[in-house]
Amino acid sequence: MNVKFNFDHENMERVVYVRTVNVSELPEDVREQVSADGLVYAIHSEDGERLAIAKNRDIAFALARTNEFEPVSVH
């Protein structure tokens, strides 16, 4: 199926990616600030820069939306 789709290029840079991260994979100085064991959720820009870390997925999505970003899950 071939369907034309007009991308909204003005808002594309407002997309952020949310993915799980093992706390053990975080830099030591960040691990010291995280009170969770196991997994946390990281919010990344389109170029891969980590913007924030959240305790759970719901908080990560809420944080992104509060800052006028459109969050997308990454597996």
C-alpha atoms as a PDB file:
ATOM      1  CA  MET A   1       0.000   0.000   0.000  1.00  0.00           C
ATOM      2  CA  ASN A   2       1.369   3.387  -0.963  1.00  0.00           C
ATOM      3  CA  VAL A   3      -0.099   6.294   0.986  1.00  0.00           C
ATOM      4  CA  LYS A   4       1.286   9.818   0.977  1.00  0.00           C
ATOM      5  CA  PHE A   5       2.013  11.262   4.399  1.00  0.00           C
ATOM      6  CA  ASN A   6       2.849  14.891   5.051  1.00  0.00           C
ATOM      7  CA  PHE A   7       5.376  15.064   7.842  1.00  0.00           C
ATOM      8  CA  ASP A   8       5.110  18.052  10.138  1.00  0.00           C
ATOM      9  CA  HIS A   9       8.773  19.034   9.894  1.00  0.00           C
ATOM     10  CA  GLU A  10       8.398  21.883  12.388  1.00  0.00           C
ATOM     11  CA  ASN A  11       7.454  19.466  15.172  1.00  0.00           C
ATOM     12  CA  MET A  12       9.751  16.587  14.275  1.00  0.00           C
ATOM     13  CA  GLU A  13      12.585  17.886  16.450  1.00  0.00           C
ATOM     14  CA  ARG A  14      10.190  17.800  19.406  1.00  0.00           C
ATOM     15  CA  VAL A  15      10.257  13.979  19.434  1.00  0.00           C
ATOM     16  CA  VAL A  16      12.116  12.253  22.261  1.00  0.00           C
ATOM     17  CA  TYR A  17      12.755   8.562  22.738  1.00  0.00           C
ATOM     18  CA  VAL A  18      12.053   6.690  25.961  1.00  0.00           C
ATOM     19  CA  ARG A  19      13.842   3.430  26.673  1.00  0.00           C
ATOM     20  CA  THR A  20      14.728   1.242  29.603  1.00  0.00           C
ATOM     21  CA  VAL A  21      18.260   1.383  30.950  1.00  0.00           C
ATOM     22  CA  ASN A  22      19.909  -0.841  33.529  1.00  0.00           C
ATOM     23  CA  VAL A  23      21.059   1.256  36.459  1.00  0.00           C
ATOM     24  CA  SER A  24      24.374  -0.615  36.256  1.00  0.00           C
ATOM     25  CA  GLU A  25      24.937   0.878  32.770  1.00  0.00           C
ATOM     26  CA  LEU A  26      24.736   4.464  34.016  1.00  0.00           C
ATOM     27  CA  PRO A  27      27.873   6.459  34.832  1.00  0.00           C
ATOM     28  CA  GLU A  28      28.937   6.115  38.456  1.00  0.00           C
ATOM     29  CA  ASP A  29      28.054   9.696  39.379  1.00  0.00           C
ATOM     30  CA  VAL A  30      24.526   9.177  38.019  1.00  0.00           C
ATOM     31  CA  ARG A  31      24.127   5.790  39.756  1.00  0.00           C
ATOM     32  CA  GLU A  32      24.855   7.502  43.067  1.00  0.00           C
ATOM     33  CA  GLN A  33      21.877   9.798  42.490  1.00  0.00           C
ATOM     34  CA  VAL A  34      19.442   7.040  41.441  1.00  0.00           C
ATOM     35  CA  SER A  35      17.677   5.316  44.308  1.00  0.00           C
ATOM     36  CA  ALA A  36      16.341   2.476  42.150  1.00  0.00           C
ATOM     37  CA  ASP A  37      17.905  -0.896  41.457  1.00  0.00           C
ATOM     38  CA  GLY A  38      17.374  -2.656  38.171  1.00  0.00           C
ATOM     39  CA  LEU A  39      15.782  -0.561  35.432  1.00  0.00           C
ATOM     40  CA  VAL A  40      15.040   3.119  34.964  1.00  0.00           C
ATOM     41  CA  TYR A  41      13.662   4.954  31.936  1.00  0.00           C
ATOM     42  CA  ALA A  42      15.887   7.319  29.987  1.00  0.00           C
ATOM     43  CA  ILE A  43      14.625  10.097  27.744  1.00  0.00           C
ATOM     44  CA  HIS A  44      16.837  10.713  24.705  1.00  0.00           C
ATOM     45  CA  SER A  45      16.886  13.363  21.997  1.00  0.00           C
ATOM     46  CA  GLU A  46      16.842  12.387  18.329  1.00  0.00           C
ATOM     47  CA  ASP A  47      20.650  12.456  18.234  1.00  0.00           C
ATOM     48  CA  GLY A  48      20.900  10.065  21.199  1.00  0.00           C
ATOM     49  CA  GLU A  49      21.744  12.570  23.922  1.00  0.00           C
ATOM     50  CA  ARG A  50      20.326  11.491  27.283  1.00  0.00           C
ATOM     51  CA  LEU A  51      18.123  14.311  28.501  1.00  0.00           C
ATOM     52  CA  ALA A  52      16.629  12.833  31.664  1.00  0.00           C
ATOM     53  CA  ILE A  53      16.115   9.685  33.705  1.00  0.00           C
ATOM     54  CA  ALA A  54      12.812   8.707  35.270  1.00  0.00           C
ATOM     55  CA  LYS A  55      11.797   6.091  37.806  1.00  0.00           C
ATOM     56  CA  ASN A  56       9.132   4.551  35.561  1.00  0.00           C
ATOM     57  CA  ARG A  57       7.658   4.792  32.063  1.00  0.00           C
ATOM     58  CA  ASP A  58       4.624   6.853  33.072  1.00  0.00           C
ATOM     59  CA  ILE A  59       6.809   9.481  34.714  1.00  0.00           C
ATOM     60  CA  ALA A  60       9.139   9.561  31.685  1.00  0.00           C
ATOM     61  CA  PHE A  61       6.221  10.178  29.311  1.00  0.00           C
ATOM     62  CA  ALA A  62       4.687  12.795  31.608  1.00  0.00           C
ATOM     63  CA  LEU A  63       8.042  14.569  31.939  1.00  0.00           C
ATOM     64  CA  ALA A  64       8.474  14.655  28.167  1.00  0.00           C
ATOM     65  CA  ARG A  65       4.954  15.959  27.561  1.00  0.00           C
ATOM     66  CA  THR A  66       5.283  18.565  30.311  1.00  0.00           C
ATOM     67  CA  ASN A  67       8.267  19.928  28.406  1.00  0.00           C
ATOM     68  CA  GLU A  68       6.317  19.937  25.125  1.00  0.00           C
ATOM     69  CA  PHE A  69       8.037  16.892  23.646  1.00  0.00           C
ATOM     70  CA  GLU A  70       6.320  13.966  21.957  1.00  0.00           C
ATOM     71  CA  PRO A  71       7.636  10.778  23.603  1.00  0.00           C
ATOM     72  CA  VAL A  72       8.090   7.564  21.630  1.00  0.00           C
ATOM     73  CA  SER A  73       8.973   4.172  23.119  1.00  0.00           C
ATOM     74  CA  VAL A  74      12.143   2.497  21.899  1.00  0.00           C
ATOM     75  CA  HIS A  75      12.623  -1.226  22.399  1.00  0.00           C
END
